[in-house]
Amino acid sequence: MSREDVSWTPYGRDAGTEVLRSLYTGVIRFADVTEGYDPARSRRQFGYRQTIPRTMMVPKDVYRPSSCSTYIVFWERSMDQLWGNLPSHFLHIAIDSDLCEYPSEADEDYMDWYRTRSHPRIINPDSGGVSLQRPVLVDEVSYVIIVQFLMYC
């Protein structure tokens, strides 16, 4: 697959301006579920040049009762209240300078960042002797701890 085979703007060229709430950044709450959302992690889908995003939002605490198959996520109170004040928490984009000249455009350092943090390492299991574990990077530590906690509860 080449970069020409990928639909970089699945929501259309002007999704960020036509559906403004898609640029909201913070936590999204629905009923008793609250999840972090950061459109900066997928700027290309909105027609903008992809940059290295901020560190992921990390919940204050995660709890999974032994009698329940779901888990409860606690966010800092300030994060939890962002959802009620949408306009002040949109991803701010310098419209003229951040628009893509071509759909797969990214900052110069983005692909190196992507490969070390997001791109899965594919290893041929027949080659033997190669570790399937990738190193944990500093900005992933708290996220990894949460995921490991949830996997073993």
N, C-alpha and C. Protein backbone atom coordinates (compact mmCIF):
# COMPACT_ATOMS: atom_id res chain seq x y z
N MET A 1 0.85 -1.18 0.00
CA MET A 1 0.00 0.00 0.00
C MET A 1 0.90 1.24 0.00
N SER A 2 0.55 2.17 -0.83
CA SER A 2 1.32 3.41 -0.90
C SER A 2 0.51 4.55 -0.29
N ARG A 3 1.14 5.70 -0.07
CA ARG A 3 0.42 6.83 0.52
C ARG A 3 -0.71 7.31 -0.38
N GLU A 4 -0.63 7.04 -1.69
CA GLU A 4 -1.71 7.42 -2.60
C GLU A 4 -2.95 6.54 -2.42
N ASP A 5 -2.77 5.34 -1.83
CA ASP A 5 -3.89 4.42 -1.63
C ASP A 5 -4.70 4.73 -0.37
N VAL A 6 -4.21 5.62 0.46
CA VAL A 6 -4.86 5.93 1.74
C VAL A 6 -5.79 7.13 1.59
N SER A 7 -6.98 7.05 2.17
CA SER A 7 -7.89 8.20 2.21
C SER A 7 -7.51 9.02 3.43
N TRP A 8 -6.72 10.07 3.22
CA TRP A 8 -6.21 10.86 4.33
C TRP A 8 -7.28 11.77 4.92
N THR A 9 -8.28 12.12 4.16
CA THR A 9 -9.34 13.02 4.65
C THR A 9 -10.70 12.33 4.51
N PRO A 10 -10.97 11.31 5.33
CA PRO A 10 -12.21 10.54 5.20
C PRO A 10 -13.47 11.36 5.48
N TYR A 11 -13.35 12.47 6.17
CA TYR A 11 -14.53 13.28 6.51
C TYR A 11 -14.70 14.47 5.57
N GLY A 12 -13.89 14.53 4.50
CA GLY A 12 -13.97 15.66 3.58
C GLY A 12 -12.89 16.68 3.89
N ARG A 13 -12.63 17.55 2.95
CA ARG A 13 -11.54 18.52 3.08
C ARG A 13 -11.79 19.55 4.18
N ASP A 14 -13.04 19.91 4.46
CA ASP A 14 -13.34 20.97 5.43
C ASP A 14 -14.05 20.46 6.68
N ALA A 15 -13.77 19.24 7.10
CA ALA A 15 -14.46 18.67 8.26
C ALA A 15 -14.27 19.52 9.51
N GLY A 16 -13.08 20.06 9.71
CA GLY A 16 -12.80 20.86 10.90
C GLY A 16 -13.60 22.13 10.98
N THR A 17 -13.91 22.73 9.85
CA THR A 17 -14.69 23.98 9.87
C THR A 17 -16.18 23.72 9.74
N GLU A 18 -16.56 22.67 9.03
CA GLU A 18 -17.99 22.38 8.86
C GLU A 18 -18.58 21.67 10.07
N VAL A 19 -17.81 20.84 10.71
CA VAL A 19 -18.27 20.13 11.91
C VAL A 19 -17.31 20.54 13.03
N LEU A 20 -17.48 21.75 13.53
CA LEU A 20 -16.54 22.35 14.47
C LEU A 20 -16.31 21.49 15.70
N ARG A 21 -17.34 20.81 16.19
CA ARG A 21 -17.16 20.03 17.42
C ARG A 21 -16.15 18.89 17.23
N SER A 22 -15.85 18.53 15.98
CA SER A 22 -14.84 17.49 15.76
C SER A 22 -13.44 17.97 16.14
N LEU A 23 -13.27 19.27 16.33
CA LEU A 23 -11.98 19.82 16.76
C LEU A 23 -11.90 20.01 18.27
N TYR A 24 -12.94 19.60 19.00
CA TYR A 24 -12.92 19.67 20.46
C TYR A 24 -11.78 18.82 20.99
N THR A 25 -11.08 19.30 21.99
CA THR A 25 -10.02 18.52 22.61
C THR A 25 -10.25 18.48 24.12
N GLY A 26 -10.13 17.31 24.70
CA GLY A 26 -10.38 17.13 26.13
C GLY A 26 -11.00 15.77 26.36
N VAL A 27 -11.91 15.70 27.31
CA VAL A 27 -12.60 14.44 27.55
C VAL A 27 -14.03 14.56 27.06
N ILE A 28 -14.56 13.47 26.54
CA ILE A 28 -15.93 13.42 26.05
C ILE A 28 -16.71 12.54 27.02
N ARG A 29 -17.84 13.05 27.44
CA ARG A 29 -18.66 12.31 28.39
C ARG A 29 -19.98 11.93 27.75
N PHE A 30 -20.37 10.67 27.91
CA PHE A 30 -21.69 10.20 27.51
C PHE A 30 -22.17 9.27 28.60
N ALA A 31 -23.29 9.62 29.22
CA ALA A 31 -23.83 8.88 30.36
C ALA A 31 -22.73 8.76 31.42
N ASP A 32 -22.34 7.54 31.78
CA ASP A 32 -21.31 7.40 32.81
C ASP A 32 -19.94 7.06 32.21
N VAL A 33 -19.79 7.23 30.89
CA VAL A 33 -18.52 6.94 30.23
C VAL A 33 -17.82 8.24 29.86
N THR A 34 -16.56 8.35 30.21
CA THR A 34 -15.75 9.53 29.89
C THR A 34 -14.45 9.05 29.25
N GLU A 35 -14.16 9.56 28.06
CA GLU A 35 -12.95 9.15 27.34
C GLU A 35 -12.19 10.38 26.86
N GLY A 36 -10.88 10.29 26.81
CA GLY A 36 -10.06 11.37 26.29
C GLY A 36 -10.12 11.42 24.77
N TYR A 37 -10.10 12.62 24.22
CA TYR A 37 -10.13 12.80 22.76
C TYR A 37 -9.22 13.96 22.39
N ASP A 38 -8.34 13.74 21.44
CA ASP A 38 -7.43 14.79 21.00
C ASP A 38 -7.30 14.75 19.48
N PRO A 39 -7.97 15.67 18.78
CA PRO A 39 -7.91 15.67 17.32
C PRO A 39 -6.52 15.96 16.77
N ALA A 40 -5.61 16.47 17.59
CA ALA A 40 -4.24 16.73 17.13
C ALA A 40 -3.54 15.44 16.75
N ARG A 41 -4.01 14.31 17.29
CA ARG A 41 -3.41 13.03 16.98
C ARG A 41 -3.76 12.56 15.57
N SER A 42 -4.75 13.19 14.95
CA SER A 42 -5.16 12.80 13.58
C SER A 42 -5.49 14.03 12.74
N ARG A 43 -4.62 15.01 12.76
CA ARG A 43 -4.85 16.27 12.02
C ARG A 43 -5.05 16.03 10.53
N ARG A 44 -4.38 15.03 9.97
CA ARG A 44 -4.51 14.76 8.53
C ARG A 44 -5.96 14.48 8.14
N GLN A 45 -6.71 13.84 9.02
CA GLN A 45 -8.11 13.53 8.71
C GLN A 45 -8.95 14.78 8.56
N PHE A 46 -8.46 15.89 9.07
CA PHE A 46 -9.19 17.15 8.96
C PHE A 46 -8.60 18.06 7.88
N GLY A 47 -7.63 17.54 7.11
CA GLY A 47 -7.04 18.30 6.02
C GLY A 47 -5.86 19.16 6.41
N TYR A 48 -5.29 18.93 7.59
CA TYR A 48 -4.17 19.74 8.07
C TYR A 48 -2.89 18.91 8.11
N ARG A 49 -1.75 19.58 8.06
CA ARG A 49 -0.45 18.91 8.14
C ARG A 49 -0.32 18.22 9.50
N GLN A 50 0.09 16.95 9.47
CA GLN A 50 0.24 16.18 10.71
C GLN A 50 1.49 16.62 11.45
N THR A 51 1.33 16.90 12.73
CA THR A 51 2.44 17.27 13.59
C THR A 51 2.56 16.26 14.72
N ILE A 52 3.63 16.32 15.46
CA ILE A 52 3.78 15.44 16.62
C ILE A 52 2.80 15.93 17.68
N PRO A 53 1.87 15.07 18.10
CA PRO A 53 0.86 15.51 19.07
C PRO A 53 1.41 15.61 20.49
N ARG A 54 0.64 16.27 21.33
CA ARG A 54 0.99 16.37 22.76
C ARG A 54 0.95 14.98 23.38
N THR A 55 1.47 14.87 24.58
CA THR A 55 1.39 13.62 25.33
C THR A 55 -0.07 13.28 25.56
N MET A 56 -0.39 12.00 25.54
CA MET A 56 -1.78 11.56 25.72
C MET A 56 -2.34 11.99 27.07
N MET A 57 -3.64 12.24 27.08
CA MET A 57 -4.32 12.54 28.34
C MET A 57 -4.37 11.26 29.17
N VAL A 58 -4.03 11.36 30.42
CA VAL A 58 -4.00 10.19 31.29
C VAL A 58 -4.99 10.40 32.42
N PRO A 59 -5.85 9.41 32.67
CA PRO A 59 -6.80 9.54 33.77
C PRO A 59 -6.11 9.61 35.12
N LYS A 60 -6.82 10.17 36.09
CA LYS A 60 -6.29 10.27 37.45
C LYS A 60 -6.21 8.89 38.09
N ASP A 61 -7.21 8.06 37.84
CA ASP A 61 -7.25 6.73 38.43
C ASP A 61 -8.15 5.83 37.59
N VAL A 62 -7.91 4.53 37.68
CA VAL A 62 -8.72 3.54 36.99
C VAL A 62 -9.08 2.48 38.01
N TYR A 63 -10.35 2.09 38.03
CA TYR A 63 -10.80 1.11 39.02
C TYR A 63 -11.72 0.11 38.34
N ARG A 64 -11.51 -1.15 38.62
CA ARG A 64 -12.39 -2.19 38.08
C ARG A 64 -12.81 -3.10 39.23
N PRO A 65 -14.08 -2.98 39.65
CA PRO A 65 -14.56 -3.84 40.73
C PRO A 65 -14.50 -5.31 40.33
N SER A 66 -14.21 -6.19 41.26
CA SER A 66 -14.10 -7.62 40.95
C SER A 66 -15.43 -8.21 40.50
N SER A 67 -16.54 -7.57 40.87
CA SER A 67 -17.85 -8.09 40.50
C SER A 67 -18.36 -7.51 39.18
N CYS A 68 -17.51 -6.80 38.47
CA CYS A 68 -17.96 -6.08 37.27
C CYS A 68 -17.00 -6.34 36.11
N SER A 69 -17.54 -6.42 34.90
CA SER A 69 -16.68 -6.64 33.73
C SER A 69 -16.21 -5.33 33.11
N THR A 70 -16.72 -4.21 33.59
CA THR A 70 -16.30 -2.91 33.06
C THR A 70 -15.40 -2.23 34.08
N TYR A 71 -14.82 -1.14 33.70
CA TYR A 71 -13.95 -0.40 34.59
C TYR A 71 -14.44 1.03 34.72
N ILE A 72 -14.00 1.70 35.76
CA ILE A 72 -14.37 3.08 36.03
C ILE A 72 -13.11 3.93 35.89
N VAL A 73 -13.22 5.01 35.13
CA VAL A 73 -12.08 5.90 34.90
C VAL A 73 -12.36 7.22 35.60
N PHE A 74 -11.40 7.69 36.37
CA PHE A 74 -11.53 8.97 37.06
C PHE A 74 -10.56 9.97 36.42
N TRP A 75 -11.09 11.11 36.00
CA TRP A 75 -10.27 12.19 35.44
C TRP A 75 -10.16 13.29 36.47
N GLU A 76 -9.15 14.13 36.33
CA GLU A 76 -9.06 15.32 37.17
C GLU A 76 -10.35 16.11 36.98
N ARG A 77 -10.82 16.73 38.02
CA ARG A 77 -12.08 17.48 37.95
C ARG A 77 -12.05 18.53 36.84
N SER A 78 -10.92 19.19 36.67
CA SER A 78 -10.83 20.21 35.62
C SER A 78 -11.02 19.60 34.23
N MET A 79 -10.49 18.40 33.99
CA MET A 79 -10.66 17.73 32.69
C MET A 79 -12.11 17.33 32.49
N ASP A 80 -12.72 16.84 33.53
CA ASP A 80 -14.10 16.38 33.46
C ASP A 80 -15.06 17.52 33.15
N GLN A 81 -14.72 18.74 33.54
CA GLN A 81 -15.61 19.88 33.33
C GLN A 81 -15.42 20.55 31.98
N LEU A 82 -14.37 20.20 31.23
CA LEU A 82 -14.13 20.80 29.92
C LEU A 82 -15.30 20.57 28.97
N TRP A 83 -15.92 19.41 29.08
CA TRP A 83 -17.00 19.03 28.19
C TRP A 83 -18.15 20.03 28.23
N GLY A 84 -18.35 20.70 29.34
CA GLY A 84 -19.42 21.67 29.47
C GLY A 84 -19.10 23.03 28.87
N ASN A 85 -17.86 23.24 28.45
CA ASN A 85 -17.45 24.53 27.91
C ASN A 85 -16.74 24.33 26.57
N LEU A 86 -17.49 23.81 25.60
CA LEU A 86 -16.90 23.42 24.31
C LEU A 86 -16.08 24.49 23.60
N PRO A 87 -16.58 25.71 23.40
CA PRO A 87 -15.85 26.66 22.55
C PRO A 87 -14.42 26.97 23.00
N SER A 88 -14.15 26.92 24.29
CA SER A 88 -12.80 27.27 24.74
C SER A 88 -11.83 26.10 24.70
N HIS A 89 -12.28 24.95 24.22
CA HIS A 89 -11.42 23.77 24.21
C HIS A 89 -11.33 23.11 22.83
N PHE A 90 -11.30 23.94 21.79
CA PHE A 90 -11.12 23.41 20.45
C PHE A 90 -9.65 23.42 20.09
N LEU A 91 -9.26 22.51 19.23
CA LEU A 91 -7.90 22.49 18.72
C LEU A 91 -7.72 23.76 17.90
N HIS A 92 -6.73 24.55 18.27
CA HIS A 92 -6.50 25.80 17.56
C HIS A 92 -5.49 25.56 16.44
N ILE A 93 -5.93 25.82 15.24
CA ILE A 93 -5.11 25.57 14.06
C ILE A 93 -4.93 26.88 13.31
N ALA A 94 -3.69 27.18 12.94
CA ALA A 94 -3.44 28.35 12.10
C ALA A 94 -3.86 27.95 10.69
N ILE A 95 -5.08 28.32 10.33
CA ILE A 95 -5.72 27.81 9.12
C ILE A 95 -4.84 27.88 7.87
N ASP A 96 -4.23 29.01 7.57
CA ASP A 96 -3.46 29.14 6.34
C ASP A 96 -2.18 28.32 6.36
N SER A 97 -1.45 28.35 7.46
CA SER A 97 -0.15 27.70 7.48
C SER A 97 -0.23 26.20 7.72
N ASP A 98 -1.32 25.71 8.30
CA ASP A 98 -1.41 24.30 8.63
C ASP A 98 -2.14 23.45 7.59
N LEU A 99 -2.77 24.07 6.60
CA LEU A 99 -3.45 23.28 5.57
C LEU A 99 -2.43 22.47 4.78
N CYS A 100 -2.82 21.26 4.42
CA CYS A 100 -1.93 20.39 3.65
C CYS A 100 -1.81 20.87 2.21
N GLU A 101 -0.62 20.76 1.68
CA GLU A 101 -0.44 20.98 0.24
C GLU A 101 -0.78 19.68 -0.49
N TYR A 102 -0.53 18.55 0.15
CA TYR A 102 -0.90 17.24 -0.39
C TYR A 102 -1.39 16.41 0.80
N PRO A 103 -2.32 15.46 0.59
CA PRO A 103 -3.02 14.78 1.68
C PRO A 103 -2.16 14.09 2.74
N SER A 104 -1.01 13.53 2.38
CA SER A 104 -0.22 12.80 3.38
C SER A 104 0.86 13.65 4.02
N GLU A 105 0.76 14.96 3.88
CA GLU A 105 1.81 15.85 4.39
C GLU A 105 1.94 15.78 5.92
N ALA A 106 3.19 15.77 6.38
CA ALA A 106 3.48 15.74 7.82
C ALA A 106 4.72 16.58 8.09
N ASP A 107 4.86 17.03 9.34
CA ASP A 107 6.08 17.73 9.73
C ASP A 107 7.29 16.83 9.50
N GLU A 108 8.43 17.45 9.36
CA GLU A 108 9.66 16.74 9.05
C GLU A 108 9.97 15.62 10.05
N ASP A 109 9.76 15.84 11.33
CA ASP A 109 10.10 14.85 12.36
C ASP A 109 8.98 13.87 12.68
N TYR A 110 7.81 14.07 12.08
CA TYR A 110 6.65 13.26 12.47
C TYR A 110 6.85 11.77 12.20
N MET A 111 7.32 11.38 11.01
CA MET A 111 7.41 9.95 10.68
C MET A 111 8.39 9.22 11.60
N ASP A 112 9.49 9.85 11.98
CA ASP A 112 10.40 9.22 12.95
C ASP A 112 9.68 9.02 14.28
N TRP A 113 8.95 10.04 14.72
CA TRP A 113 8.18 9.94 15.96
C TRP A 113 7.15 8.82 15.85
N TYR A 114 6.44 8.78 14.74
CA TYR A 114 5.39 7.78 14.52
C TYR A 114 5.95 6.36 14.57
N ARG A 115 7.04 6.15 13.88
CA ARG A 115 7.61 4.80 13.84
C ARG A 115 8.05 4.31 15.22
N THR A 116 8.56 5.20 16.05
CA THR A 116 9.04 4.76 17.36
C THR A 116 7.94 4.64 18.40
N ARG A 117 6.79 5.30 18.20
CA ARG A 117 5.75 5.28 19.22
C ARG A 117 4.47 4.57 18.80
N SER A 118 4.08 4.71 17.55
CA SER A 118 2.79 4.20 17.13
C SER A 118 2.88 3.02 16.18
N HIS A 119 3.89 2.99 15.36
CA HIS A 119 3.96 1.97 14.32
C HIS A 119 4.30 0.61 14.93
N PRO A 120 3.43 -0.37 14.74
CA PRO A 120 3.74 -1.70 15.30
C PRO A 120 4.97 -2.30 14.62
N ARG A 121 5.75 -3.00 15.42
CA ARG A 121 6.93 -3.66 14.86
C ARG A 121 6.51 -5.05 14.43
N ILE A 122 6.65 -5.31 13.18
CA ILE A 122 6.25 -6.61 12.63
C ILE A 122 7.50 -7.46 12.51
N ILE A 123 7.48 -8.59 13.20
CA ILE A 123 8.64 -9.47 13.23
C ILE A 123 8.21 -10.85 12.76
N ASN A 124 8.97 -11.44 11.90
CA ASN A 124 8.70 -12.78 11.42
C ASN A 124 8.98 -13.77 12.56
N PRO A 125 7.92 -14.46 13.06
CA PRO A 125 8.14 -15.37 14.19
C PRO A 125 9.06 -16.54 13.84
N ASP A 126 9.24 -16.83 12.53
CA ASP A 126 10.11 -17.92 12.12
C ASP A 126 11.59 -17.57 12.22
N SER A 127 11.89 -16.26 12.37
CA SER A 127 13.30 -15.85 12.43
C SER A 127 13.93 -16.25 13.75
N GLY A 128 13.12 -16.43 14.80
CA GLY A 128 13.60 -16.90 16.09
C GLY A 128 14.60 -15.98 16.76
N GLY A 129 14.63 -16.01 18.07
CA GLY A 129 15.59 -15.27 18.84
C GLY A 129 15.39 -13.77 18.87
N VAL A 130 14.32 -13.29 18.30
CA VAL A 130 14.07 -11.86 18.27
C VAL A 130 12.96 -11.53 19.27
N SER A 131 13.21 -10.57 20.13
CA SER A 131 12.24 -10.18 21.14
C SER A 131 11.03 -9.53 20.49
N LEU A 132 9.85 -9.91 20.94
CA LEU A 132 8.62 -9.30 20.44
C LEU A 132 8.24 -8.08 21.26
N GLN A 133 8.98 -7.81 22.32
CA GLN A 133 8.70 -6.65 23.17
C GLN A 133 9.42 -5.43 22.62
N ARG A 134 8.69 -4.34 22.50
CA ARG A 134 9.35 -3.11 22.08
C ARG A 134 9.60 -2.28 23.33
N PRO A 135 10.61 -1.42 23.32
CA PRO A 135 10.90 -0.62 24.51
C PRO A 135 9.77 0.37 24.82
N VAL A 136 9.54 0.62 26.10
CA VAL A 136 8.54 1.59 26.51
C VAL A 136 9.20 2.96 26.53
N LEU A 137 8.60 3.91 25.85
CA LEU A 137 9.15 5.25 25.78
C LEU A 137 8.62 6.09 26.94
N VAL A 138 9.36 7.11 27.31
CA VAL A 138 9.05 7.92 28.48
C VAL A 138 7.62 8.46 28.46
N ASP A 139 7.15 8.99 27.33
CA ASP A 139 5.82 9.58 27.31
C ASP A 139 4.70 8.55 27.25
N GLU A 140 5.05 7.26 27.21
CA GLU A 140 4.04 6.21 27.20
C GLU A 140 3.89 5.53 28.56
N VAL A 141 4.77 5.81 29.50
CA VAL A 141 4.84 5.04 30.74
C VAL A 141 3.50 4.99 31.47
N SER A 142 2.87 6.12 31.73
CA SER A 142 1.63 6.11 32.49
C SER A 142 0.52 5.39 31.73
N TYR A 143 0.49 5.52 30.42
CA TYR A 143 -0.51 4.83 29.62
C TYR A 143 -0.30 3.32 29.70
N VAL A 144 0.95 2.88 29.60
CA VAL A 144 1.27 1.46 29.67
C VAL A 144 0.87 0.89 31.02
N ILE A 145 1.11 1.62 32.09
CA ILE A 145 0.74 1.16 33.43
C ILE A 145 -0.77 0.94 33.52
N ILE A 146 -1.54 1.86 32.98
CA ILE A 146 -3.01 1.74 33.01
C ILE A 146 -3.46 0.52 32.20
N VAL A 147 -2.92 0.35 31.01
CA VAL A 147 -3.30 -0.79 30.17
C VAL A 147 -2.94 -2.10 30.85
N GLN A 148 -1.75 -2.19 31.43
CA GLN A 148 -1.35 -3.42 32.11
C GLN A 148 -2.27 -3.70 33.29
N PHE A 149 -2.64 -2.66 34.03
CA PHE A 149 -3.55 -2.83 35.15
C PHE A 149 -4.88 -3.41 34.68
N LEU A 150 -5.41 -2.87 33.60
CA LEU A 150 -6.71 -3.32 33.09
C LEU A 150 -6.64 -4.74 32.54
N MET A 151 -5.51 -5.13 31.97
CA MET A 151 -5.38 -6.46 31.41
C MET A 151 -5.35 -7.54 32.48
N TYR A 152 -4.81 -7.22 33.64
CA TYR A 152 -4.62 -8.24 34.66
C TYR A 152 -5.60 -8.16 35.82
N CYS A 153 -6.63 -7.33 35.70
CA CYS A 153 -7.64 -7.24 36.76
C CYS A 153 -8.69 -8.30 36.60
